[in-house]
């Protein structure tokens, strides 16, 4: 996760404080292309709404068993997430990406903090 972009009060709120996401998106069950498209469109919509915190549910990264027929497909959206965000047309509007609190999905989700509109 990114370690810059926020002051310490934001980091405290995100890690253990009372945070309420403005927007929640769930990428479970989508193909990589569909998940990428939904993520990009959702960030654009959140920015247009003036949202500051997005909750993105992508699933937990999981080690896979070589005998599991789903094997190499497990956790691929989560594995691509930071690359997608870094190369997004909205990358300059993303202040930080942080792990979600357990009540919002814990290891299976992240908060995307968007910069204030100017």
PDB file of N, CA and C in Angstrom:
ATOM      1  N   UNK A   1       0.835  -1.177   0.000  1.00  0.00           N
ATOM      2  CA  UNK A   1       0.000   0.000   0.000  1.00  0.00           C
ATOM      3  C   UNK A   1       0.884   1.246   0.000  1.00  0.00           C
ATOM      4  N   UNK A   2       0.345   2.319  -0.486  1.00  0.00           N
ATOM      5  CA  UNK A   2       1.116   3.552  -0.510  1.00  0.00           C
ATOM      6  C   UNK A   2       1.328   4.035   0.911  1.00  0.00           C
ATOM      7  N   UNK A   3       2.505   4.589   1.177  1.00  0.00           N
ATOM      8  CA  UNK A   3       2.776   5.057   2.534  1.00  0.00           C
ATOM      9  C   UNK A   3       2.810   6.573   2.619  1.00  0.00           C
ATOM     10  N   UNK A   4       2.424   7.257   1.568  1.00  0.00           N
ATOM     11  CA  UNK A   4       2.453   8.711   1.577  1.00  0.00           C
ATOM     12  C   UNK A   4       1.103   9.242   1.109  1.00  0.00           C
ATOM     13  N   UNK A   5       0.951  10.541   1.169  1.00  0.00           N
ATOM     14  CA  UNK A   5      -0.248  11.163   0.640  1.00  0.00           C
ATOM     15  C   UNK A   5      -1.262  11.606   1.674  1.00  0.00           C
ATOM     16  N   UNK A   6      -1.129  11.151   2.908  1.00  0.00           N
ATOM     17  CA  UNK A   6      -2.092  11.523   3.949  1.00  0.00           C
ATOM     18  C   UNK A   6      -1.372  11.984   5.195  1.00  0.00           C
ATOM     19  N   UNK A   7      -2.047  12.843   5.967  1.00  0.00           N
ATOM     20  CA  UNK A   7      -1.464  13.201   7.249  1.00  0.00           C
ATOM     21  C   UNK A   7      -1.830  12.142   8.286  1.00  0.00           C
ATOM     22  N   UNK A   8      -1.224  12.226   9.458  1.00  0.00           N
ATOM     23  CA  UNK A   8      -1.395  11.182  10.469  1.00  0.00           C
ATOM     24  C   UNK A   8      -2.829  11.060  10.974  1.00  0.00           C
ATOM     25  N   UNK A   9      -3.590  12.142  10.980  1.00  0.00           N
ATOM     26  CA  UNK A   9      -4.977  12.033  11.458  1.00  0.00           C
ATOM     27  C   UNK A   9      -5.804  11.170  10.503  1.00  0.00           C
ATOM     28  N   UNK A  10      -5.560  11.298   9.201  1.00  0.00           N
ATOM     29  CA  UNK A  10      -6.247  10.443   8.235  1.00  0.00           C
ATOM     30  C   UNK A  10      -5.852   8.992   8.443  1.00  0.00           C
ATOM     31  N   UNK A  11      -4.566   8.743   8.616  1.00  0.00           N
ATOM     32  CA  UNK A  11      -4.110   7.366   8.822  1.00  0.00           C
ATOM     33  C   UNK A  11      -4.748   6.753  10.072  1.00  0.00           C
ATOM     34  N   UNK A  12      -4.861   7.541  11.141  1.00  0.00           N
ATOM     35  CA  UNK A  12      -5.508   7.033  12.362  1.00  0.00           C
ATOM     36  C   UNK A  12      -6.976   6.705  12.101  1.00  0.00           C
ATOM     37  N   UNK A  13      -7.672   7.601  11.421  1.00  0.00           N
ATOM     38  CA  UNK A  13      -9.091   7.361  11.126  1.00  0.00           C
ATOM     39  C   UNK A  13      -9.263   6.101  10.291  1.00  0.00           C
ATOM     40  N   UNK A  14      -8.420   5.934   9.293  1.00  0.00           N
ATOM     41  CA  UNK A  14      -8.552   4.786   8.405  1.00  0.00           C
ATOM     42  C   UNK A  14      -8.190   3.475   9.088  1.00  0.00           C
ATOM     43  N   UNK A  15      -7.232   3.508   9.991  1.00  0.00           N
ATOM     44  CA  UNK A  15      -6.812   2.258  10.608  1.00  0.00           C
ATOM     45  C   UNK A  15      -7.694   1.825  11.776  1.00  0.00           C
ATOM     46  N   UNK A  16      -8.251   2.781  12.526  1.00  0.00           N
ATOM     47  CA  UNK A  16      -9.038   2.349  13.691  1.00  0.00           C
ATOM     48  C   UNK A  16     -10.164   3.292  14.071  1.00  0.00           C
ATOM     49  N   UNK A  17     -10.354   4.325  13.327  1.00  0.00           N
ATOM     50  CA  UNK A  17     -11.366   5.305  13.699  1.00  0.00           C
ATOM     51  C   UNK A  17     -12.686   5.092  12.998  1.00  0.00           C
ATOM     52  N   UNK A  18     -13.581   6.023  13.243  1.00  0.00           N
ATOM     53  CA  UNK A  18     -14.920   5.935  12.658  1.00  0.00           C
ATOM     54  C   UNK A  18     -14.914   6.448  11.210  1.00  0.00           C
ATOM     55  N   UNK A  19     -14.664   5.580  10.287  1.00  0.00           N
ATOM     56  CA  UNK A  19     -14.644   5.982   8.882  1.00  0.00           C
ATOM     57  C   UNK A  19     -15.883   5.419   8.196  1.00  0.00           C
ATOM     58  N   UNK A  20     -16.508   6.232   7.385  1.00  0.00           N
ATOM     59  CA  UNK A  20     -17.648   5.791   6.596  1.00  0.00           C
ATOM     60  C   UNK A  20     -17.335   6.073   5.132  1.00  0.00           C
ATOM     61  N   UNK A  21     -17.153   5.016   4.339  1.00  0.00           N
ATOM     62  CA  UNK A  21     -16.855   5.237   2.926  1.00  0.00           C
ATOM     63  C   UNK A  21     -18.003   5.966   2.226  1.00  0.00           C
ATOM     64  N   UNK A  22     -17.648   6.842   1.306  1.00  0.00           N
ATOM     65  CA  UNK A  22     -18.653   7.551   0.512  1.00  0.00           C
ATOM     66  C   UNK A  22     -19.199   6.661  -0.599  1.00  0.00           C
ATOM     67  N   UNK A  23     -18.368   5.761  -1.079  1.00  0.00           N
ATOM     68  CA  UNK A  23     -18.708   4.882  -2.192  1.00  0.00           C
ATOM     69  C   UNK A  23     -18.138   3.506  -1.893  1.00  0.00           C
ATOM     70  N   UNK A  24     -18.896   2.451  -2.218  1.00  0.00           N
ATOM     71  CA  UNK A  24     -18.405   1.079  -2.090  1.00  0.00           C
ATOM     72  C   UNK A  24     -18.553   0.391  -3.435  1.00  0.00           C
ATOM     73  N   UNK A  25     -17.483  -0.265  -3.871  1.00  0.00           N
ATOM     74  CA  UNK A  25     -17.581  -1.074  -5.087  1.00  0.00           C
ATOM     75  C   UNK A  25     -17.049  -2.468  -4.788  1.00  0.00           C
ATOM     76  N   UNK A  26     -17.668  -3.449  -5.406  1.00  0.00           N
ATOM     77  CA  UNK A  26     -17.312  -4.846  -5.203  1.00  0.00           C
ATOM     78  C   UNK A  26     -16.929  -5.441  -6.549  1.00  0.00           C
ATOM     79  N   UNK A  27     -15.733  -5.975  -6.638  1.00  0.00           N
ATOM     80  CA  UNK A  27     -15.247  -6.538  -7.891  1.00  0.00           C
ATOM     81  C   UNK A  27     -15.307  -8.062  -7.924  1.00  0.00           C
ATOM     82  N   UNK A  28     -15.896  -8.670  -6.881  1.00  0.00           N
ATOM     83  CA  UNK A  28     -16.017 -10.129  -6.852  1.00  0.00           C
ATOM     84  C   UNK A  28     -16.760 -10.656  -8.067  1.00  0.00           C
ATOM     85  N   UNK A  29     -16.293 -11.765  -8.592  1.00  0.00           N
ATOM     86  CA  UNK A  29     -17.001 -12.454  -9.657  1.00  0.00           C
ATOM     87  C   UNK A  29     -16.845 -11.846 -11.033  1.00  0.00           C
ATOM     88  N   UNK A  30     -16.042 -10.806 -11.168  1.00  0.00           N
ATOM     89  CA  UNK A  30     -15.864 -10.171 -12.467  1.00  0.00           C
ATOM     90  C   UNK A  30     -14.605 -10.703 -13.148  1.00  0.00           C
ATOM     91  N   UNK A  31     -14.590 -10.633 -14.456  1.00  0.00           N
ATOM     92  CA  UNK A  31     -13.366 -10.947 -15.184  1.00  0.00           C
ATOM     93  C   UNK A  31     -12.382  -9.801 -14.957  1.00  0.00           C
ATOM     94  N   UNK A  32     -11.128 -10.016 -15.303  1.00  0.00           N
ATOM     95  CA  UNK A  32     -10.139  -8.950 -15.141  1.00  0.00           C
ATOM     96  C   UNK A  32     -10.530  -7.709 -15.922  1.00  0.00           C
ATOM     97  N   UNK A  33     -10.943  -7.880 -17.163  1.00  0.00           N
ATOM     98  CA  UNK A  33     -11.321  -6.718 -17.975  1.00  0.00           C
ATOM     99  C   UNK A  33     -12.524  -5.989 -17.389  1.00  0.00           C
ATOM    100  N   UNK A  34     -13.528  -6.746 -16.948  1.00  0.00           N
ATOM    101  CA  UNK A  34     -14.720  -6.128 -16.373  1.00  0.00           C
ATOM    102  C   UNK A  34     -14.396  -5.429 -15.048  1.00  0.00           C
ATOM    103  N   UNK A  35     -13.536  -6.044 -14.233  1.00  0.00           N
ATOM    104  CA  UNK A  35     -13.152  -5.445 -12.955  1.00  0.00           C
ATOM    105  C   UNK A  35     -12.380  -4.147 -13.181  1.00  0.00           C
ATOM    106  N   UNK A  36     -11.478  -4.163 -14.142  1.00  0.00           N
ATOM    107  CA  UNK A  36     -10.693  -2.965 -14.452  1.00  0.00           C
ATOM    108  C   UNK A  36     -11.604  -1.843 -14.942  1.00  0.00           C
ATOM    109  N   UNK A  37     -12.521  -2.170 -15.822  1.00  0.00           N
ATOM    110  CA  UNK A  37     -13.456  -1.161 -16.344  1.00  0.00           C
ATOM    111  C   UNK A  37     -14.339  -0.604 -15.224  1.00  0.00           C
ATOM    112  N   UNK A  38     -14.849  -1.476 -14.352  1.00  0.00           N
ATOM    113  CA  UNK A  38     -15.704  -1.004 -13.249  1.00  0.00           C
ATOM    114  C   UNK A  38     -14.915  -0.113 -12.299  1.00  0.00           C
ATOM    115  N   UNK A  39     -13.681  -0.486 -12.004  1.00  0.00           N
ATOM    116  CA  UNK A  39     -12.854   0.319 -11.116  1.00  0.00           C
ATOM    117  C   UNK A  39     -12.641   1.719 -11.698  1.00  0.00           C
ATOM    118  N   UNK A  40     -12.261   1.795 -12.953  1.00  0.00           N
ATOM    119  CA  UNK A  40     -12.013   3.080 -13.598  1.00  0.00           C
ATOM    120  C   UNK A  40     -13.272   3.941 -13.630  1.00  0.00           C
ATOM    121  N   UNK A  41     -14.393   3.338 -14.002  1.00  0.00           N
ATOM    122  CA  UNK A  41     -15.654   4.083 -14.059  1.00  0.00           C
ATOM    123  C   UNK A  41     -16.097   4.525 -12.661  1.00  0.00           C
ATOM    124  N   UNK A  42     -15.891   3.670 -11.665  1.00  0.00           N
ATOM    125  CA  UNK A  42     -16.303   4.006 -10.303  1.00  0.00           C
ATOM    126  C   UNK A  42     -15.477   5.148  -9.729  1.00  0.00           C
ATOM    127  N   UNK A  43     -14.186   5.175 -10.036  1.00  0.00           N
ATOM    128  CA  UNK A  43     -13.356   6.289  -9.566  1.00  0.00           C
ATOM    129  C   UNK A  43     -13.809   7.588 -10.228  1.00  0.00           C
ATOM    130  N   UNK A  44     -14.081   7.544 -11.525  1.00  0.00           N
ATOM    131  CA  UNK A  44     -14.562   8.745 -12.228  1.00  0.00           C
ATOM    132  C   UNK A  44     -15.865   9.242 -11.613  1.00  0.00           C
ATOM    133  N   UNK A  45     -16.775   8.326 -11.321  1.00  0.00           N
ATOM    134  CA  UNK A  45     -18.054   8.702 -10.731  1.00  0.00           C
ATOM    135  C   UNK A  45     -17.859   9.278  -9.323  1.00  0.00           C
ATOM    136  N   UNK A  46     -16.994   8.642  -8.530  1.00  0.00           N
ATOM    137  CA  UNK A  46     -16.736   9.125  -7.166  1.00  0.00           C
ATOM    138  C   UNK A  46     -16.135  10.529  -7.194  1.00  0.00           C
ATOM    139  N   UNK A  47     -15.220  10.769  -8.120  1.00  0.00           N
ATOM    140  CA  UNK A  47     -14.632  12.097  -8.244  1.00  0.00           C
ATOM    141  C   UNK A  47     -15.683  13.127  -8.634  1.00  0.00           C
ATOM    142  N   UNK A  48     -16.574  12.761  -9.541  1.00  0.00           N
ATOM    143  CA  UNK A  48     -17.639  13.672  -9.971  1.00  0.00           C
ATOM    144  C   UNK A  48     -18.590  14.004  -8.818  1.00  0.00           C
ATOM    145  N   UNK A  49     -18.777  13.042  -7.912  1.00  0.00           N
ATOM    146  CA  UNK A  49     -19.657  13.246  -6.754  1.00  0.00           C
ATOM    147  C   UNK A  49     -18.971  14.017  -5.628  1.00  0.00           C
ATOM    148  N   UNK A  50     -17.653  14.181  -5.720  1.00  0.00           N
ATOM    149  CA  UNK A  50     -16.914  14.824  -4.639  1.00  0.00           C
ATOM    150  C   UNK A  50     -16.601  13.884  -3.492  1.00  0.00           C
ATOM    151  N   UNK A  51     -16.636  12.578  -3.736  1.00  0.00           N
ATOM    152  CA  UNK A  51     -16.345  11.586  -2.698  1.00  0.00           C
ATOM    153  C   UNK A  51     -14.886  11.675  -2.284  1.00  0.00           C
ATOM    154  N   UNK A  52     -14.616  11.315  -1.046  1.00  0.00           N
ATOM    155  CA  UNK A  52     -13.237  11.305  -0.549  1.00  0.00           C
ATOM    156  C   UNK A  52     -12.732   9.900  -0.279  1.00  0.00           C
ATOM    157  N   UNK A  53     -13.614   8.997   0.201  1.00  0.00           N
ATOM    158  CA  UNK A  53     -13.168   7.651   0.561  1.00  0.00           C
ATOM    159  C   UNK A  53     -14.014   6.622  -0.174  1.00  0.00           C
ATOM    160  N   UNK A  54     -13.333   5.761  -0.908  1.00  0.00           N
ATOM    161  CA  UNK A  54     -13.984   4.639  -1.584  1.00  0.00           C
ATOM    162  C   UNK A  54     -13.582   3.364  -0.852  1.00  0.00           C
ATOM    163  N   UNK A  55     -14.529   2.458  -0.679  1.00  0.00           N
ATOM    164  CA  UNK A  55     -14.232   1.131  -0.166  1.00  0.00           C
ATOM    165  C   UNK A  55     -14.268   0.198  -1.362  1.00  0.00           C
ATOM    166  N   UNK A  56     -13.162  -0.447  -1.633  1.00  0.00           N
ATOM    167  CA  UNK A  56     -13.063  -1.365  -2.751  1.00  0.00           C
ATOM    168  C   UNK A  56     -12.908  -2.774  -2.218  1.00  0.00           C
ATOM    169  N   UNK A  57     -13.872  -3.618  -2.533  1.00  0.00           N
ATOM    170  CA  UNK A  57     -13.839  -5.008  -2.109  1.00  0.00           C
ATOM    171  C   UNK A  57     -13.316  -5.818  -3.286  1.00  0.00           C
ATOM    172  N   UNK A  58     -12.143  -6.404  -3.097  1.00  0.00           N
ATOM    173  CA  UNK A  58     -11.501  -7.139  -4.183  1.00  0.00           C
ATOM    174  C   UNK A  58     -11.249  -8.595  -3.825  1.00  0.00           C
ATOM    175  N   UNK A  59     -11.464  -8.966  -2.586  1.00  0.00           N
ATOM    176  CA  UNK A  59     -11.191 -10.334  -2.160  1.00  0.00           C
ATOM    177  C   UNK A  59      -9.800 -10.445  -1.557  1.00  0.00           C
ATOM    178  N   UNK A  60      -9.644 -11.445  -0.729  1.00  0.00           N
ATOM    179  CA  UNK A  60      -8.365 -11.650  -0.062  1.00  0.00           C
ATOM    180  C   UNK A  60      -7.372 -12.293  -1.016  1.00  0.00           C
ATOM    181  N   UNK A  61      -6.114 -11.850  -0.953  1.00  0.00           N
ATOM    182  CA  UNK A  61      -5.096 -12.564  -1.733  1.00  0.00           C
ATOM    183  C   UNK A  61      -4.917 -13.937  -1.096  1.00  0.00           C
ATOM    184  N   UNK A  62      -4.910 -14.972  -1.907  1.00  0.00           N
ATOM    185  CA  UNK A  62      -4.840 -16.324  -1.352  1.00  0.00           C
ATOM    186  C   UNK A  62      -3.754 -17.132  -2.039  1.00  0.00           C
ATOM    187  N   UNK A  63      -3.003 -17.873  -1.233  1.00  0.00           N
ATOM    188  CA  UNK A  63      -2.099 -18.834  -1.858  1.00  0.00           C
ATOM    189  C   UNK A  63      -2.964 -19.932  -2.469  1.00  0.00           C
ATOM    190  N   UNK A  64      -2.515 -20.514  -3.531  1.00  0.00           N
ATOM    191  CA  UNK A  64      -3.343 -21.552  -4.131  1.00  0.00           C
ATOM    192  C   UNK A  64      -2.645 -22.896  -4.109  1.00  0.00           C
ATOM    193  N   UNK A  65      -3.441 -23.910  -4.019  1.00  0.00           N
ATOM    194  CA  UNK A  65      -2.977 -25.293  -4.027  1.00  0.00           C
ATOM    195  C   UNK A  65      -2.838 -25.710  -5.484  1.00  0.00           C
ATOM    196  N   UNK A  66      -1.756 -26.378  -5.814  1.00  0.00           N
ATOM    197  CA  UNK A  66      -1.548 -26.770  -7.210  1.00  0.00           C
ATOM    198  C   UNK A  66      -2.619 -27.725  -7.714  1.00  0.00           C
ATOM    199  N   UNK A  67      -3.362 -28.361  -6.807  1.00  0.00           N
ATOM    200  CA  UNK A  67      -4.433 -29.277  -7.208  1.00  0.00           C
ATOM    201  C   UNK A  67      -5.783 -28.581  -7.324  1.00  0.00           C
ATOM    202  N   UNK A  68      -5.833 -27.321  -6.911  1.00  0.00           N
ATOM    203  CA  UNK A  68      -7.060 -26.539  -7.015  1.00  0.00           C
ATOM    204  C   UNK A  68      -7.217 -26.110  -8.474  1.00  0.00           C
ATOM    205  N   UNK A  69      -8.312 -26.516  -9.101  1.00  0.00           N
ATOM    206  CA  UNK A  69      -8.497 -26.215 -10.514  1.00  0.00           C
ATOM    207  C   UNK A  69      -8.651 -24.729 -10.777  1.00  0.00           C
ATOM    208  N   UNK A  70      -9.031 -23.959  -9.747  1.00  0.00           N
ATOM    209  CA  UNK A  70      -9.114 -22.511  -9.907  1.00  0.00           C
ATOM    210  C   UNK A  70      -7.746 -21.878  -9.749  1.00  0.00           C
ATOM    211  N   UNK A  71      -6.818 -22.628  -9.191  1.00  0.00           N
ATOM    212  CA  UNK A  71      -5.451 -22.246  -8.896  1.00  0.00           C
ATOM    213  C   UNK A  71      -4.996 -20.860  -9.254  1.00  0.00           C
ATOM    214  N   UNK A  72      -4.547 -20.661 -10.472  1.00  0.00           N
ATOM    215  CA  UNK A  72      -3.926 -19.390 -10.817  1.00  0.00           C
ATOM    216  C   UNK A  72      -4.929 -18.268 -11.015  1.00  0.00           C
ATOM    217  N   UNK A  73      -6.222 -18.546 -10.930  1.00  0.00           N
ATOM    218  CA  UNK A  73      -7.222 -17.483 -11.055  1.00  0.00           C
ATOM    219  C   UNK A  73      -7.559 -16.850  -9.717  1.00  0.00           C
ATOM    220  N   UNK A  74      -7.172 -17.475  -8.622  1.00  0.00           N
ATOM    221  CA  UNK A  74      -7.541 -16.962  -7.305  1.00  0.00           C
ATOM    222  C   UNK A  74      -6.719 -15.739  -6.952  1.00  0.00           C
ATOM    223  N   UNK A  75      -7.395 -14.653  -6.599  1.00  0.00           N
ATOM    224  CA  UNK A  75      -6.727 -13.448  -6.146  1.00  0.00           C
ATOM    225  C   UNK A  75      -6.111 -12.598  -7.248  1.00  0.00           C
ATOM    226  N   UNK A  76      -6.468 -12.854  -8.515  1.00  0.00           N
ATOM    227  CA  UNK A  76      -5.835 -12.100  -9.596  1.00  0.00           C
ATOM    228  C   UNK A  76      -6.273 -10.639  -9.619  1.00  0.00           C
ATOM    229  N   UNK A  77      -7.524 -10.356  -9.277  1.00  0.00           N
ATOM    230  CA  UNK A  77      -7.974  -8.961  -9.250  1.00  0.00           C
ATOM    231  C   UNK A  77      -7.188  -8.205  -8.184  1.00  0.00           C
ATOM    232  N   UNK A  78      -7.066  -8.793  -7.013  1.00  0.00           N
ATOM    233  CA  UNK A  78      -6.320  -8.152  -5.920  1.00  0.00           C
ATOM    234  C   UNK A  78      -4.867  -7.937  -6.322  1.00  0.00           C
ATOM    235  N   UNK A  79      -4.287  -8.896  -7.028  1.00  0.00           N
ATOM    236  CA  UNK A  79      -2.892  -8.786  -7.449  1.00  0.00           C
ATOM    237  C   UNK A  79      -2.683  -7.648  -8.448  1.00  0.00           C
ATOM    238  N   UNK A  80      -3.668  -7.349  -9.256  1.00  0.00           N
ATOM    239  CA  UNK A  80      -3.560  -6.303 -10.277  1.00  0.00           C
ATOM    240  C   UNK A  80      -3.937  -4.921  -9.762  1.00  0.00           C
ATOM    241  N   UNK A  81      -4.605  -4.854  -8.648  1.00  0.00           N
ATOM    242  CA  UNK A  81      -5.216  -3.626  -8.162  1.00  0.00           C
ATOM    243  C   UNK A  81      -4.270  -2.425  -8.101  1.00  0.00           C
ATOM    244  N   UNK A  82      -3.134  -2.567  -7.455  1.00  0.00           N
ATOM    245  CA  UNK A  82      -2.239  -1.414  -7.303  1.00  0.00           C
ATOM    246  C   UNK A  82      -1.676  -0.964  -8.654  1.00  0.00           C
ATOM    247  N   UNK A  83      -1.419  -1.899  -9.550  1.00  0.00           N
ATOM    248  CA  UNK A  83      -0.963  -1.518 -10.896  1.00  0.00           C
ATOM    249  C   UNK A  83      -2.056  -0.748 -11.629  1.00  0.00           C
ATOM    250  N   UNK A  84      -3.287  -1.231 -11.530  1.00  0.00           N
ATOM    251  CA  UNK A  84      -4.401  -0.539 -12.186  1.00  0.00           C
ATOM    252  C   UNK A  84      -4.532   0.884 -11.666  1.00  0.00           C
ATOM    253  N   UNK A  85      -4.437   1.047 -10.353  1.00  0.00           N
ATOM    254  CA  UNK A  85      -4.573   2.375  -9.764  1.00  0.00           C
ATOM    255  C   UNK A  85      -3.412   3.283 -10.174  1.00  0.00           C
ATOM    256  N   UNK A  86      -2.206   2.746 -10.202  1.00  0.00           N
ATOM    257  CA  UNK A  86      -1.033   3.550 -10.562  1.00  0.00           C
ATOM    258  C   UNK A  86      -1.086   4.019 -12.012  1.00  0.00           C
ATOM    259  N   UNK A  87      -1.717   3.222 -12.873  1.00  0.00           N
ATOM    260  CA  UNK A  87      -1.778   3.559 -14.297  1.00  0.00           C
ATOM    261  C   UNK A  87      -3.151   4.083 -14.721  1.00  0.00           C
ATOM    262  N   UNK A  88      -3.992   4.346 -13.767  1.00  0.00           N
ATOM    263  CA  UNK A  88      -5.333   4.843 -14.029  1.00  0.00           C
ATOM    264  C   UNK A  88      -5.277   6.272 -14.565  1.00  0.00           C
ATOM    265  N   UNK A  89      -6.252   6.644 -15.395  1.00  0.00           N
ATOM    266  CA  UNK A  89      -6.316   8.046 -15.805  1.00  0.00           C
ATOM    267  C   UNK A  89      -6.584   8.969 -14.606  1.00  0.00           C
ATOM    268  N   UNK A  90      -6.961   8.387 -13.476  1.00  0.00           N
ATOM    269  CA  UNK A  90      -7.272   9.151 -12.274  1.00  0.00           C
ATOM    270  C   UNK A  90      -6.167   9.037 -11.219  1.00  0.00           C
ATOM    271  N   UNK A  91      -5.011   8.499 -11.585  1.00  0.00           N
ATOM    272  CA  UNK A  91      -3.934   8.260 -10.615  1.00  0.00           C
ATOM    273  C   UNK A  91      -3.559   9.532  -9.854  1.00  0.00           C
ATOM    274  N   UNK A  92      -3.566  10.665 -10.515  1.00  0.00           N
ATOM    275  CA  UNK A  92      -3.214  11.922  -9.859  1.00  0.00           C
ATOM    276  C   UNK A  92      -4.235  12.380  -8.830  1.00  0.00           C
ATOM    277  N   UNK A  93      -5.424  11.812  -8.866  1.00  0.00           N
ATOM    278  CA  UNK A  93      -6.487  12.173  -7.927  1.00  0.00           C
ATOM    279  C   UNK A  93      -6.565  11.208  -6.739  1.00  0.00           C
ATOM    280  N   UNK A  94      -5.699  10.202  -6.727  1.00  0.00           N
ATOM    281  CA  UNK A  94      -5.693   9.224  -5.633  1.00  0.00           C
ATOM    282  C   UNK A  94      -4.616   9.635  -4.637  1.00  0.00           C
ATOM    283  N   UNK A  95      -5.046   9.962  -3.423  1.00  0.00           N
ATOM    284  CA  UNK A  95      -4.107  10.392  -2.386  1.00  0.00           C
ATOM    285  C   UNK A  95      -3.424   9.202  -1.728  1.00  0.00           C
ATOM    286  N   UNK A  96      -4.156   8.106  -1.531  1.00  0.00           N
ATOM    287  CA  UNK A  96      -3.585   6.949  -0.842  1.00  0.00           C
ATOM    288  C   UNK A  96      -4.490   5.738  -0.997  1.00  0.00           C
ATOM    289  N   UNK A  97      -3.892   4.585  -0.762  1.00  0.00           N
ATOM    290  CA  UNK A  97      -4.613   3.316  -0.711  1.00  0.00           C
ATOM    291  C   UNK A  97      -4.212   2.672   0.605  1.00  0.00           C
ATOM    292  N   UNK A  98      -5.202   2.305   1.406  1.00  0.00           N
ATOM    293  CA  UNK A  98      -4.926   1.745   2.731  1.00  0.00           C
ATOM    294  C   UNK A  98      -5.777   0.485   2.953  1.00  0.00           C
ATOM    295  N   UNK A  99      -5.296  -0.422   3.813  1.00  0.00           N
ATOM    296  CA  UNK A  99      -6.094  -1.606   4.149  1.00  0.00           C
ATOM    297  C   UNK A  99      -7.395  -1.193   4.843  1.00  0.00           C
ATOM    298  N   UNK A 100      -8.451  -1.927   4.573  1.00  0.00           N
ATOM    299  CA  UNK A 100      -9.740  -1.641   5.208  1.00  0.00           C
ATOM    300  C   UNK A 100      -9.785  -2.209   6.623  1.00  0.00           C
ATOM    301  N   UNK A 101     -10.605  -1.575   7.450  1.00  0.00           N
ATOM    302  CA  UNK A 101     -10.844  -2.080   8.797  1.00  0.00           C
ATOM    303  C   UNK A 101     -11.583  -3.412   8.695  1.00  0.00           C
ATOM    304  N   UNK A 102     -11.449  -4.266   9.709  1.00  0.00           N
ATOM    305  CA  UNK A 102     -12.138  -5.565   9.668  1.00  0.00           C
ATOM    306  C   UNK A 102     -13.643  -5.453   9.409  1.00  0.00           C
ATOM    307  N   UNK A 103     -14.288  -4.422   9.943  1.00  0.00           N
ATOM    308  CA  UNK A 103     -15.735  -4.294   9.737  1.00  0.00           C
ATOM    309  C   UNK A 103     -16.094  -3.961   8.297  1.00  0.00           C
ATOM    310  N   UNK A 104     -15.114  -3.534   7.504  1.00  0.00           N
ATOM    311  CA  UNK A 104     -15.344  -3.226   6.096  1.00  0.00           C
ATOM    312  C   UNK A 104     -14.704  -4.254   5.162  1.00  0.00           C
ATOM    313  N   UNK A 105     -14.292  -5.382   5.704  1.00  0.00           N
ATOM    314  CA  UNK A 105     -13.744  -6.426   4.849  1.00  0.00           C
ATOM    315  C   UNK A 105     -12.309  -6.796   5.130  1.00  0.00           C
ATOM    316  N   UNK A 106     -11.637  -6.032   5.978  1.00  0.00           N
ATOM    317  CA  UNK A 106     -10.271  -6.373   6.370  1.00  0.00           C
ATOM    318  C   UNK A 106      -9.352  -6.616   5.184  1.00  0.00           C
ATOM    319  N   UNK A 107      -8.697  -7.765   5.192  1.00  0.00           N
ATOM    320  CA  UNK A 107      -7.709  -8.089   4.157  1.00  0.00           C
ATOM    321  C   UNK A 107      -8.328  -8.251   2.770  1.00  0.00           C
ATOM    322  N   UNK A 108      -9.640  -8.350   2.692  1.00  0.00           N
ATOM    323  CA  UNK A 108     -10.296  -8.501   1.397  1.00  0.00           C
ATOM    324  C   UNK A 108     -10.723  -7.183   0.775  1.00  0.00           C
ATOM    325  N   UNK A 109     -10.352  -6.071   1.414  1.00  0.00           N
ATOM    326  CA  UNK A 109     -10.805  -4.771   0.919  1.00  0.00           C
ATOM    327  C   UNK A 109      -9.756  -3.697   1.207  1.00  0.00           C
ATOM    328  N   UNK A 110      -9.855  -2.603   0.474  1.00  0.00           N
ATOM    329  CA  UNK A 110      -8.972  -1.452   0.696  1.00  0.00           C
ATOM    330  C   UNK A 110      -9.799  -0.175   0.620  1.00  0.00           C
ATOM    331  N   UNK A 111      -9.275   0.849   1.270  1.00  0.00           N
ATOM    332  CA  UNK A 111      -9.831   2.188   1.110  1.00  0.00           C
ATOM    333  C   UNK A 111      -8.999   2.899   0.049  1.00  0.00           C
ATOM    334  N   UNK A 112      -9.662   3.577  -0.859  1.00  0.00           N
ATOM    335  CA  UNK A 112      -8.990   4.455  -1.807  1.00  0.00           C
ATOM    336  C   UNK A 112      -9.377   5.868  -1.400  1.00  0.00           C
ATOM    337  N   UNK A 113      -8.399   6.649  -0.996  1.00  0.00           N
ATOM    338  CA  UNK A 113      -8.665   8.018  -0.558  1.00  0.00           C
ATOM    339  C   UNK A 113      -8.384   8.945  -1.736  1.00  0.00           C
ATOM    340  N   UNK A 114      -9.398   9.702  -2.101  1.00  0.00           N
ATOM    341  CA  UNK A 114      -9.301  10.610  -3.237  1.00  0.00           C
ATOM    342  C   UNK A 114      -8.950  12.019  -2.762  1.00  0.00           C
ATOM    343  N   UNK A 115      -8.221  12.720  -3.589  1.00  0.00           N
ATOM    344  CA  UNK A 115      -7.844  14.092  -3.261  1.00  0.00           C
ATOM    345  C   UNK A 115      -9.074  15.002  -3.348  1.00  0.00           C
ATOM    346  N   UNK A 116      -9.040  16.066  -2.600  1.00  0.00           N
ATOM    347  CA  UNK A 116     -10.111  17.057  -2.655  1.00  0.00           C
ATOM    348  C   UNK A 116     -10.119  17.703  -4.051  1.00  0.00           C
ATOM    349  N   UNK A 117     -11.325  17.948  -4.542  1.00  0.00           N
ATOM    350  CA  UNK A 117     -11.441  18.672  -5.802  1.00  0.00           C
ATOM    351  C   UNK A 117     -11.010  20.109  -5.622  1.00  0.00           C
ATOM    352  N   UNK A 118     -10.496  20.720  -6.657  1.00  0.00           N
ATOM    353  CA  UNK A 118     -10.014  22.104  -6.555  1.00  0.00           C
ATOM    354  C   UNK A 118     -10.892  23.001  -7.385  1.00  0.00           C
TER     355      UNK A 118
END
